[in-house]
C-alpha atoms as a PDB file:
ATOM      1  CA  MET A   1      -4.087  36.279  32.912  1.00  0.00           C
ATOM      2  CA  PRO A   2      -0.262  34.502  33.259  1.00  0.00           C
ATOM      3  CA  ALA A   3       1.961  34.067  30.800  1.00  0.00           C
ATOM      4  CA  ARG A   4       2.493  31.419  28.578  1.00  0.00           C
ATOM      5  CA  SER A   5       5.161  28.957  29.185  1.00  0.00           C
ATOM      6  CA  PRO A   6       7.699  29.520  25.893  1.00  0.00           C
ATOM      7  CA  TYR A   7       8.492  25.541  26.487  1.00  0.00           C
ATOM      8  CA  LEU A   8       4.322  24.554  26.504  1.00  0.00           C
ATOM      9  CA  PRO A   9       4.442  23.261  22.492  1.00  0.00           C
ATOM     10  CA  TYR A  10       7.890  21.430  23.254  1.00  0.00           C
ATOM     11  CA  LEU A  11       6.232  19.838  25.853  1.00  0.00           C
ATOM     12  CA  LEU A  12       2.956  19.136  23.937  1.00  0.00           C
ATOM     13  CA  ILE A  13       5.176  17.173  21.239  1.00  0.00           C
ATOM     14  CA  ALA A  14       7.173  15.582  23.665  1.00  0.00           C
ATOM     15  CA  PRO A  15       5.302  12.225  23.939  1.00  0.00           C
ATOM     16  CA  SER A  16       5.084  12.491  20.190  1.00  0.00           C
ATOM     17  CA  ILE A  17       8.651  12.711  19.925  1.00  0.00           C
ATOM     18  CA  LEU A  18       9.790  10.455  22.694  1.00  0.00           C
ATOM     19  CA  PHE A  19       7.377   7.529  20.650  1.00  0.00           C
ATOM     20  CA  LEU A  20       9.215   7.998  17.471  1.00  0.00           C
ATOM     21  CA  ALA A  21      12.626   7.730  19.072  1.00  0.00           C
ATOM     22  CA  VAL A  22      11.767   4.347  20.888  1.00  0.00           C
ATOM     23  CA  PHE A  23       9.504   2.632  18.318  1.00  0.00           C
ATOM     24  CA  PHE A  24      11.201   4.305  14.795  1.00  0.00           C
ATOM     25  CA  LEU A  25      14.478   5.790  14.990  1.00  0.00           C
ATOM     26  CA  TRP A  26      15.992   3.230  17.638  1.00  0.00           C
ATOM     27  CA  PRO A  27      15.095   0.306  15.738  1.00  0.00           C
ATOM     28  CA  PHE A  28      16.316   2.086  12.279  1.00  0.00           C
ATOM     29  CA  ALA A  29      19.730   2.824  14.135  1.00  0.00           C
ATOM     30  CA  GLN A  30      19.908  -0.706  15.108  1.00  0.00           C
ATOM     31  CA  THR A  31      18.811  -1.998  11.560  1.00  0.00           C
ATOM     32  CA  VAL A  32      21.479   0.288  10.026  1.00  0.00           C
ATOM     33  CA  VAL A  33      24.096  -1.543  12.234  1.00  0.00           C
ATOM     34  CA  MET A  34      23.162  -4.863  11.754  1.00  0.00           C
ATOM     35  CA  ALA A  35      22.910  -4.206   7.523  1.00  0.00           C
ATOM     36  CA  PHE A  36      26.708  -3.433   7.651  1.00  0.00           C
ATOM     37  CA  THR A  37      28.044  -5.568  10.083  1.00  0.00           C
ATOM     38  CA  VAL A  38      29.856  -8.837   9.728  1.00  0.00           C
ATOM     39  CA  ASP A  39      31.593 -11.142  12.099  1.00  0.00           C
ATOM     40  CA  GLY A  40      31.939  -7.652  14.037  1.00  0.00           C
ATOM     41  CA  GLN A  41      33.438  -5.595  11.743  1.00  0.00           C
ATOM     42  CA  THR A  42      31.684  -2.853   9.547  1.00  0.00           C
ATOM     43  CA  SER A  43      31.397  -4.456   5.887  1.00  0.00           C
ATOM     44  CA  THR A  44      28.986  -4.364   2.966  1.00  0.00           C
ATOM     45  CA  GLY A  45      28.883  -8.198   2.940  1.00  0.00           C
ATOM     46  CA  ASN A  46      25.537  -8.770   3.887  1.00  0.00           C
ATOM     47  CA  PHE A  47      24.404  -6.692   0.649  1.00  0.00           C
ATOM     48  CA  ALA A  48      27.003  -8.619  -1.625  1.00  0.00           C
ATOM     49  CA  ARG A  49      25.240 -11.901  -0.232  1.00  0.00           C
ATOM     50  CA  MET A  50      21.619 -10.408  -0.371  1.00  0.00           C
ATOM     51  CA  ALA A  51      22.349  -9.846  -4.304  1.00  0.00           C
ATOM     52  CA  ALA A  52      23.960 -13.129  -4.409  1.00  0.00           C
ATOM     53  CA  ASP A  53      20.673 -14.826  -3.298  1.00  0.00           C
ATOM     54  CA  LEU A  54      18.844 -16.857  -6.112  1.00  0.00           C
ATOM     55  CA  ASN A  55      15.493 -15.544  -4.711  1.00  0.00           C
ATOM     56  CA  PHE A  56      16.774 -11.665  -4.600  1.00  0.00           C
ATOM     57  CA  TRP A  57      15.838 -10.568  -8.334  1.00  0.00           C
ATOM     58  CA  PRO A  58      12.674 -12.370  -8.487  1.00  0.00           C
ATOM     59  CA  ALA A  59      11.952 -11.153  -5.006  1.00  0.00           C
ATOM     60  CA  MET A  60      12.537  -7.472  -6.764  1.00  0.00           C
ATOM     61  CA  GLY A  61      11.338  -8.112  -9.811  1.00  0.00           C
ATOM     62  CA  ASN A  62       7.687  -9.031  -7.959  1.00  0.00           C
ATOM     63  CA  THR A  63       7.730  -6.648  -5.607  1.00  0.00           C
ATOM     64  CA  PHE A  64       7.926  -3.688  -7.982  1.00  0.00           C
ATOM     65  CA  ALA A  65       5.562  -5.902 -10.406  1.00  0.00           C
ATOM     66  CA  LEU A  66       3.344  -5.410  -7.441  1.00  0.00           C
ATOM     67  CA  VAL A  67       3.464  -2.219  -6.845  1.00  0.00           C
ATOM     68  CA  ILE A  68       2.961  -0.934 -10.712  1.00  0.00           C
ATOM     69  CA  VAL A  69      -0.325  -2.830 -11.117  1.00  0.00           C
ATOM     70  CA  VAL A  70      -1.719  -2.657  -7.503  1.00  0.00           C
ATOM     71  CA  VAL A  71      -1.282   0.940  -6.810  1.00  0.00           C
ATOM     72  CA  PRO A  72      -2.730   2.495 -10.187  1.00  0.00           C
ATOM     73  CA  LEU A  73      -5.765  -0.246  -9.702  1.00  0.00           C
ATOM     74  CA  GLN A  74      -6.542   1.037  -6.259  1.00  0.00           C
ATOM     75  CA  VAL A  75      -6.230   4.820  -7.175  1.00  0.00           C
ATOM     76  CA  ALA A  76      -8.427   4.499 -10.069  1.00  0.00           C
ATOM     77  CA  LEU A  77     -10.953   2.261  -8.320  1.00  0.00           C
ATOM     78  CA  ALA A  78     -11.099   4.356  -5.131  1.00  0.00           C
ATOM     79  CA  LEU A  79     -11.399   7.573  -7.133  1.00  0.00           C
ATOM     80  CA  THR A  80     -14.342   6.326  -9.267  1.00  0.00           C
ATOM     81  CA  MET A  81     -15.953   5.427  -5.982  1.00  0.00           C
ATOM     82  CA  ALA A  82     -15.156   8.800  -4.141  1.00  0.00           C
ATOM     83  CA  VAL A  83     -16.706  10.461  -6.945  1.00  0.00           C
ATOM     84  CA  MET A  84     -20.105   8.037  -6.907  1.00  0.00           C
ATOM     85  CA  ILE A  85     -20.217   8.480  -3.157  1.00  0.00           C
ATOM     86  CA  GLN A  86     -20.426  12.232  -3.683  1.00  0.00           C
ATOM     87  CA  LYS A  87     -23.202  12.063  -6.355  1.00  0.00           C
ATOM     88  CA  MET A  88     -25.389   9.732  -3.849  1.00  0.00           C
ATOM     89  CA  THR A  89     -28.227  11.669  -1.949  1.00  0.00           C
ATOM     90  CA  THR A  90     -29.724   8.280  -0.591  1.00  0.00           C
ATOM     91  CA  GLY A  91     -28.141   5.582   0.909  1.00  0.00           C
ATOM     92  CA  ARG A  92     -24.671   7.426   1.135  1.00  0.00           C
ATOM     93  CA  ASP A  93     -23.669   6.277   4.783  1.00  0.00           C
ATOM     94  CA  ILE A  94     -24.736   3.032   4.555  1.00  0.00           C
ATOM     95  CA  VAL A  95     -22.576   2.727   1.223  1.00  0.00           C
ATOM     96  CA  LEU A  96     -19.705   4.185   3.131  1.00  0.00           C
ATOM     97  CA  TRP A  97     -19.752   1.904   5.531  1.00  0.00           C
ATOM     98  CA  ILE A  98     -19.661  -1.008   3.345  1.00  0.00           C
ATOM     99  CA  TRP A  99     -16.696   0.219   1.385  1.00  0.00           C
ATOM    100  CA  THR A 100     -14.938   1.048   4.272  1.00  0.00           C
ATOM    101  CA  ILE A 101     -15.137  -2.173   5.986  1.00  0.00           C
ATOM    102  CA  PRO A 102     -11.608  -3.750   4.688  1.00  0.00           C
ATOM    103  CA  LEU A 103     -10.334  -1.110   6.524  1.00  0.00           C
ATOM    104  CA  GLY A 104     -10.777  -3.380  10.044  1.00  0.00           C
ATOM    105  CA  ILE A 105      -9.098  -6.563   8.470  1.00  0.00           C
ATOM    106  CA  SER A 106      -5.813  -7.426   8.997  1.00  0.00           C
ATOM    107  CA  ASP A 107      -3.394  -8.161   6.347  1.00  0.00           C
ATOM    108  CA  LEU A 108      -2.584 -11.592   7.268  1.00  0.00           C
ATOM    109  CA  ALA A 109      -6.996 -12.199   8.153  1.00  0.00           C
ATOM    110  CA  ALA A 110      -7.401 -10.614   4.117  1.00  0.00           C
ATOM    111  CA  GLY A 111      -5.135 -13.093   3.087  1.00  0.00           C
ATOM    112  CA  LEU A 112      -6.596 -16.249   4.817  1.00  0.00           C
ATOM    113  CA  ALA A 113      -9.895 -15.449   3.425  1.00  0.00           C
ATOM    114  CA  TRP A 114      -8.905 -14.821   0.102  1.00  0.00           C
ATOM    115  CA  LEU A 115      -6.931 -18.361   0.514  1.00  0.00           C
ATOM    116  CA  ALA A 116      -9.949 -19.758   1.785  1.00  0.00           C
ATOM    117  CA  ILE A 117     -11.640 -18.594  -1.729  1.00  0.00           C
ATOM    118  CA  LEU A 118      -9.003 -19.969  -3.984  1.00  0.00           C
ATOM    119  CA  SER A 119      -7.281 -22.802  -2.764  1.00  0.00           C
ATOM    120  CA  ASN A 120      -7.574 -26.036  -4.569  1.00  0.00           C
ATOM    121  CA  ASN A 121     -10.920 -26.477  -2.448  1.00  0.00           C
ATOM    122  CA  GLY A 122     -11.943 -23.464  -1.997  1.00  0.00           C
ATOM    123  CA  TYR A 123     -14.888 -21.333  -2.817  1.00  0.00           C
ATOM    124  CA  PHE A 124     -13.933 -20.278  -6.533  1.00  0.00           C
ATOM    125  CA  ASN A 125     -13.005 -24.023  -7.469  1.00  0.00           C
ATOM    126  CA  THR A 126     -16.249 -25.167  -6.207  1.00  0.00           C
ATOM    127  CA  VAL A 127     -18.277 -22.823  -8.489  1.00  0.00           C
ATOM    128  CA  LEU A 128     -16.478 -23.597 -11.219  1.00  0.00           C
ATOM    129  CA  PHE A 129     -17.000 -27.366 -10.391  1.00  0.00           C
ATOM    130  CA  HIS A 130     -20.751 -26.846 -10.411  1.00  0.00           C
ATOM    131  CA  LEU A 131     -20.683 -24.657 -13.595  1.00  0.00           C
ATOM    132  CA  GLY A 132     -18.921 -27.617 -15.243  1.00  0.00           C
ATOM    133  CA  ILE A 133     -15.883 -25.368 -16.122  1.00  0.00           C
ATOM    134  CA  ILE A 134     -13.492 -27.678 -14.465  1.00  0.00           C
ATOM    135  CA  SER A 135     -13.631 -31.386 -13.843  1.00  0.00           C
ATOM    136  CA  GLY A 136     -11.964 -31.024 -10.238  1.00  0.00           C
ATOM    137  CA  PRO A 137      -9.842 -29.467  -7.740  1.00  0.00           C
ATOM    138  CA  THR A 138      -7.444 -26.890  -9.634  1.00  0.00           C
ATOM    139  CA  GLY A 139      -4.396 -24.982  -8.236  1.00  0.00           C
ATOM    140  CA  TRP A 140      -4.320 -21.786  -8.798  1.00  0.00           C
ATOM    141  CA  LEU A 141      -1.495 -20.810  -6.036  1.00  0.00           C
ATOM    142  CA  SER A 142       1.261 -22.654  -6.721  1.00  0.00           C
ATOM    143  CA  TYR A 143       4.812 -22.312  -8.470  1.00  0.00           C
ATOM    144  CA  GLU A 144       3.316 -24.264 -11.416  1.00  0.00           C
ATOM    145  CA  THR A 145       1.031 -21.025 -11.702  1.00  0.00           C
ATOM    146  CA  PRO A 146       3.118 -18.010 -10.901  1.00  0.00           C
ATOM    147  CA  LEU A 147       0.650 -16.057 -13.257  1.00  0.00           C
ATOM    148  CA  THR A 148      -2.595 -16.622 -11.610  1.00  0.00           C
ATOM    149  CA  LEU A 149      -0.745 -16.557  -7.823  1.00  0.00           C
ATOM    150  CA  PHE A 150       0.636 -13.144  -8.803  1.00  0.00           C
ATOM    151  CA  PHE A 151      -2.917 -12.180  -9.987  1.00  0.00           C
ATOM    152  CA  ALA A 152      -4.807 -13.598  -6.379  1.00  0.00           C
ATOM    153  CA  VAL A 153      -2.202 -11.366  -4.649  1.00  0.00           C
ATOM    154  CA  VAL A 154      -3.270  -8.791  -6.639  1.00  0.00           C
ATOM    155  CA  VAL A 155      -6.969  -9.184  -6.471  1.00  0.00           C
ATOM    156  CA  ALA A 156      -6.393  -9.583  -2.397  1.00  0.00           C
ATOM    157  CA  GLU A 157      -4.571  -6.154  -2.265  1.00  0.00           C
ATOM    158  CA  VAL A 158      -6.658  -4.638  -4.137  1.00  0.00           C
ATOM    159  CA  TRP A 159      -9.783  -5.605  -2.274  1.00  0.00           C
ATOM    160  CA  ARG A 160      -7.932  -5.429   1.242  1.00  0.00           C
ATOM    161  CA  ALA A 161      -6.376  -1.999   0.643  1.00  0.00           C
ATOM    162  CA  THR A 162      -8.160   0.432  -1.806  1.00  0.00           C
ATOM    163  CA  ALA A 163     -10.443   1.135   1.084  1.00  0.00           C
ATOM    164  CA  LEU A 164      -7.427   3.218   2.234  1.00  0.00           C
ATOM    165  CA  VAL A 165      -6.993   5.304  -0.368  1.00  0.00           C
ATOM    166  CA  PHE A 166     -10.568   5.960  -0.994  1.00  0.00           C
ATOM    167  CA  VAL A 167     -11.076   7.707   2.541  1.00  0.00           C
ATOM    168  CA  ILE A 168      -8.338   9.556   1.656  1.00  0.00           C
ATOM    169  CA  LEU A 169      -9.758  10.885  -1.651  1.00  0.00           C
ATOM    170  CA  VAL A 170     -13.089  11.221  -0.004  1.00  0.00           C
ATOM    171  CA  ALA A 171     -12.126  13.639   2.351  1.00  0.00           C
ATOM    172  CA  GLY A 172     -10.403  15.522  -0.223  1.00  0.00           C
ATOM    173  CA  LEU A 173     -13.590  15.987  -2.379  1.00  0.00           C
ATOM    174  CA  GLN A 174     -15.272  16.953   1.159  1.00  0.00           C
ATOM    175  CA  LEU A 175     -12.907  20.087   1.077  1.00  0.00           C
ATOM    176  CA  ILE A 176     -13.288  21.518  -2.592  1.00  0.00           C
ATOM    177  CA  PRO A 177     -15.792  24.194  -2.475  1.00  0.00           C
ATOM    178  CA  LYS A 178     -19.005  23.623  -4.569  1.00  0.00           C
ATOM    179  CA  GLU A 179     -18.893  27.101  -6.129  1.00  0.00           C
ATOM    180  CA  TYR A 180     -16.303  25.872  -8.371  1.00  0.00           C
ATOM    181  CA  ALA A 181     -17.783  22.737 -10.064  1.00  0.00           C
ATOM    182  CA  GLU A 182     -21.546  25.458 -10.370  1.00  0.00           C
ATOM    183  CA  ALA A 183     -19.249  28.176 -11.787  1.00  0.00           C
ATOM    184  CA  ALA A 184     -17.783  25.739 -14.232  1.00  0.00           C
ATOM    185  CA  GLU A 185     -21.314  24.007 -15.350  1.00  0.00           C
ATOM    186  CA  VAL A 186     -22.806  28.015 -15.949  1.00  0.00           C
ATOM    187  CA  PHE A 187     -20.167  28.740 -18.156  1.00  0.00           C
ATOM    188  CA  GLY A 188     -21.113  25.141 -20.192  1.00  0.00           C
ATOM    189  CA  ALA A 189     -18.547  22.895 -18.739  1.00  0.00           C
ATOM    190  CA  SER A 190     -19.805  18.863 -19.238  1.00  0.00           C
ATOM    191  CA  PRO A 191     -19.179  16.598 -16.155  1.00  0.00           C
ATOM    192  CA  TRP A 192     -16.157  14.978 -17.508  1.00  0.00           C
ATOM    193  CA  GLN A 193     -14.936  18.630 -18.382  1.00  0.00           C
ATOM    194  CA  ARG A 194     -15.854  19.766 -14.627  1.00  0.00           C
ATOM    195  CA  PHE A 195     -14.091  16.539 -13.387  1.00  0.00           C
ATOM    196  CA  ARG A 196     -10.723  16.932 -15.292  1.00  0.00           C
ATOM    197  CA  HIS A 197     -10.373  20.915 -15.078  1.00  0.00           C
ATOM    198  CA  VAL A 198     -11.878  21.583 -11.567  1.00  0.00           C
ATOM    199  CA  THR A 199     -12.309  18.404  -9.445  1.00  0.00           C
ATOM    200  CA  LEU A 200      -8.977  17.023 -10.334  1.00  0.00           C
ATOM    201  CA  PRO A 201      -6.420  20.235  -9.893  1.00  0.00           C
ATOM    202  CA  LEU A 202      -7.906  20.705  -6.499  1.00  0.00           C
ATOM    203  CA  LEU A 203      -7.647  17.073  -5.507  1.00  0.00           C
ATOM    204  CA  LYS A 204      -4.185  17.080  -6.036  1.00  0.00           C
ATOM    205  CA  PRO A 205      -2.811  17.382  -2.408  1.00  0.00           C
ATOM    206  CA  SER A 206      -5.444  14.236  -1.718  1.00  0.00           C
ATOM    207  CA  LEU A 207      -4.127  12.429  -4.286  1.00  0.00           C
ATOM    208  CA  GLN A 208      -0.243  13.096  -3.634  1.00  0.00           C
ATOM    209  CA  SER A 209      -0.590  11.775  -0.294  1.00  0.00           C
ATOM    210  CA  ALA A 210      -2.612   8.821  -1.169  1.00  0.00           C
ATOM    211  CA  LEU A 211      -0.291   7.481  -3.702  1.00  0.00           C
ATOM    212  CA  ILE A 212       3.070   8.096  -1.615  1.00  0.00           C
ATOM    213  CA  LEU A 213       1.195   6.353   1.284  1.00  0.00           C
ATOM    214  CA  ARG A 214      -0.008   3.395  -0.906  1.00  0.00           C
ATOM    215  CA  THR A 215       3.039   2.870  -2.769  1.00  0.00           C
ATOM    216  CA  VAL A 216       5.130   2.940   0.462  1.00  0.00           C
ATOM    217  CA  LEU A 217       2.683   0.306   2.078  1.00  0.00           C
ATOM    218  CA  ALA A 218       2.702  -1.690  -1.273  1.00  0.00           C
ATOM    219  CA  PHE A 219       6.537  -2.164  -1.300  1.00  0.00           C
ATOM    220  CA  GLU A 220       5.835  -3.350   2.304  1.00  0.00           C
ATOM    221  CA  VAL A 221       3.409  -6.060   1.408  1.00  0.00           C
ATOM    222  CA  PHE A 222       3.887  -9.441   2.840  1.00  0.00           C
ATOM    223  CA  ALA A 223       1.097 -10.810   4.606  1.00  0.00           C
ATOM    224  CA  VAL A 224      -1.315 -11.638   1.921  1.00  0.00           C
ATOM    225  CA  ALA A 225       1.103 -12.772  -0.504  1.00  0.00           C
ATOM    226  CA  TYR A 226       2.424 -14.933   2.145  1.00  0.00           C
ATOM    227  CA  ALA A 227      -0.664 -16.468   2.934  1.00  0.00           C
ATOM    228  CA  LEU A 228      -1.425 -17.195  -0.502  1.00  0.00           C
ATOM    229  CA  GLY A 229       1.679 -18.379  -1.602  1.00  0.00           C
ATOM    230  CA  GLY A 230       3.935 -18.717   0.602  1.00  0.00           C
ATOM    231  CA  ARG A 231       7.566 -18.360  -0.711  1.00  0.00           C
ATOM    232  CA  ASN A 232       5.916 -19.294  -4.600  1.00  0.00           C
ATOM    233  CA  ILE A 233       5.554 -15.882  -4.865  1.00  0.00           C
ATOM    234  CA  PRO A 234       9.172 -14.295  -3.087  1.00  0.00           C
ATOM    235  CA  ILE A 235       8.749 -10.604  -2.216  1.00  0.00           C
ATOM    236  CA  LEU A 236      10.981  -8.324  -0.549  1.00  0.00           C
ATOM    237  CA  VAL A 237       9.773  -8.068   2.999  1.00  0.00           C
ATOM    238  CA  GLY A 238       9.048 -12.067   2.852  1.00  0.00           C
ATOM    239  CA  GLU A 239      12.766 -12.875   1.837  1.00  0.00           C
ATOM    240  CA  ALA A 240      13.583 -10.123   4.699  1.00  0.00           C
ATOM    241  CA  TYR A 241      11.345 -12.183   7.013  1.00  0.00           C
ATOM    242  CA  THR A 242      12.699 -15.729   5.560  1.00  0.00           C
ATOM    243  CA  TRP A 243      16.559 -14.397   6.176  1.00  0.00           C
ATOM    244  CA  MET A 244      15.635 -13.576   9.700  1.00  0.00           C
ATOM    245  CA  ASN A 245      13.751 -16.615  11.067  1.00  0.00           C
ATOM    246  CA  ALA A 246      14.448 -20.043   8.682  1.00  0.00           C
ATOM    247  CA  ASN A 247      18.256 -18.625   7.963  1.00  0.00           C
ATOM    248  CA  GLN A 248      18.484 -16.754  11.853  1.00  0.00           C
ATOM    249  CA  ASN A 249      20.762 -14.305   9.539  1.00  0.00           C
ATOM    250  CA  THR A 250      20.038 -11.094  10.990  1.00  0.00           C
ATOM    251  CA  GLY A 251      22.770  -9.157   8.898  1.00  0.00           C
ATOM    252  CA  VAL A 252      21.031 -10.053   5.614  1.00  0.00           C
ATOM    253  CA  ALA A 253      17.543  -9.514   6.600  1.00  0.00           C
ATOM    254  CA  ALA A 254      18.329  -5.887   7.873  1.00  0.00           C
ATOM    255  CA  ALA A 255      20.278  -5.720   4.190  1.00  0.00           C
ATOM    256  CA  TYR A 256      16.702  -6.153   2.859  1.00  0.00           C
ATOM    257  CA  ALA A 257      15.325  -3.935   5.080  1.00  0.00           C
ATOM    258  CA  GLY A 258      17.742  -1.534   3.711  1.00  0.00           C
ATOM    259  CA  VAL A 259      16.581  -1.664  -0.060  1.00  0.00           C
ATOM    260  CA  VAL A 260      12.911  -1.834   1.017  1.00  0.00           C
ATOM    261  CA  LEU A 261      13.430   1.675   2.614  1.00  0.00           C
ATOM    262  CA  LEU A 262      15.121   3.112  -0.091  1.00  0.00           C
ATOM    263  CA  VAL A 263      12.809   2.114  -2.894  1.00  0.00           C
ATOM    264  CA  SER A 264      10.160   3.729  -0.645  1.00  0.00           C
ATOM    265  CA  LEU A 265      12.084   6.770  -0.151  1.00  0.00           C
ATOM    266  CA  ALA A 266      12.637   6.894  -3.716  1.00  0.00           C
ATOM    267  CA  SER A 267       9.233   6.162  -4.565  1.00  0.00           C
ATOM    268  CA  THR A 268       7.918   9.175  -2.283  1.00  0.00           C
ATOM    269  CA  ILE A 269      10.505  11.922  -4.043  1.00  0.00           C
ATOM    270  CA  VAL A 270       9.141  10.781  -7.184  1.00  0.00           C
ATOM    271  CA  TRP A 271       5.510  11.525  -6.246  1.00  0.00           C
ATOM    272  CA  LEU A 272       6.417  14.641  -4.955  1.00  0.00           C
ATOM    273  CA  ARG A 273       7.995  15.831  -7.822  1.00  0.00           C
ATOM    274  CA  VAL A 274       5.402  14.477 -10.337  1.00  0.00           C
ATOM    275  CA  ILE A 275       2.310  15.648  -8.286  1.00  0.00           C
ATOM    276  CA  ARG A 276       3.665  19.074  -7.322  1.00  0.00           C
ATOM    277  CA  VAL A 277       1.425  20.578  -4.737  1.00  0.00           C
ATOM    278  CA  ARG A 278       1.087  24.763  -5.501  1.00  0.00           C
ATOM    279  CA  ARG A 279      -0.972  26.947  -3.513  1.00  0.00           C
ATOM    280  CA  GLU A 280      -3.504  27.282  -6.137  1.00  0.00           C
ATOM    281  CA  HIS A 281      -4.276  23.582  -5.842  1.00  0.00           C
ATOM    282  CA  LEU A 282      -4.861  24.084  -1.925  1.00  0.00           C
ATOM    283  CA  PRO A 283      -8.705  24.334  -1.310  1.00  0.00           C
END
């Protein structure tokens, strides 16, 4: 039997490394250079101009508010759904399929769908009108109604992206041996005690992955918010888009992108420290 080449593992991962280098590392390096370049010279002027932008702090506040509200809602809802699907004996596959449908819908398509529901002449207002709750078209997505606009983005994001967390948690639950819960039941543990002291600790690796992924993606939310409110609800990625396209200023746009990267990395470090996965938590 011929000896295996010592270079084979490197050859196998070479396509992945090339892909990352071309589509991530190179654009990342370009973004860093643009963020710290003003009129051909190295400078932090783009960050100063970004911080002086009237929409910077509102965008920062709205983005963090969305993350703080959306991520816990999605994780709680996905965890409930995952436990429910685990308990089902009939119709499990069809329910699983229905709940994961939003995974096949793009961010922009989801935003446009909810825009059709919540616009002045949308389905929501039509139902309220026929119920006699409102007397005519009512605006929920304007700058005059920031709370309802924010709530609309939250609802759309929860509907669109909870399925991603759900799939991760369902996979995690499948890896937990049933013998643990059965042993706890034998010793008289209630369903809540089995969930809290057996299922939840063993689900930590999946919870950690889901929280990191969803938090990072929540900081990058754009299409849903832009479709529903445009610039009526400024967010960090939306401001980067505006500076890149409307203002034709790649430097400030790159500075906004750098802020998004930094807060995403910081959130990842926080989740890695808050939810520490030890060997005993691995199924």
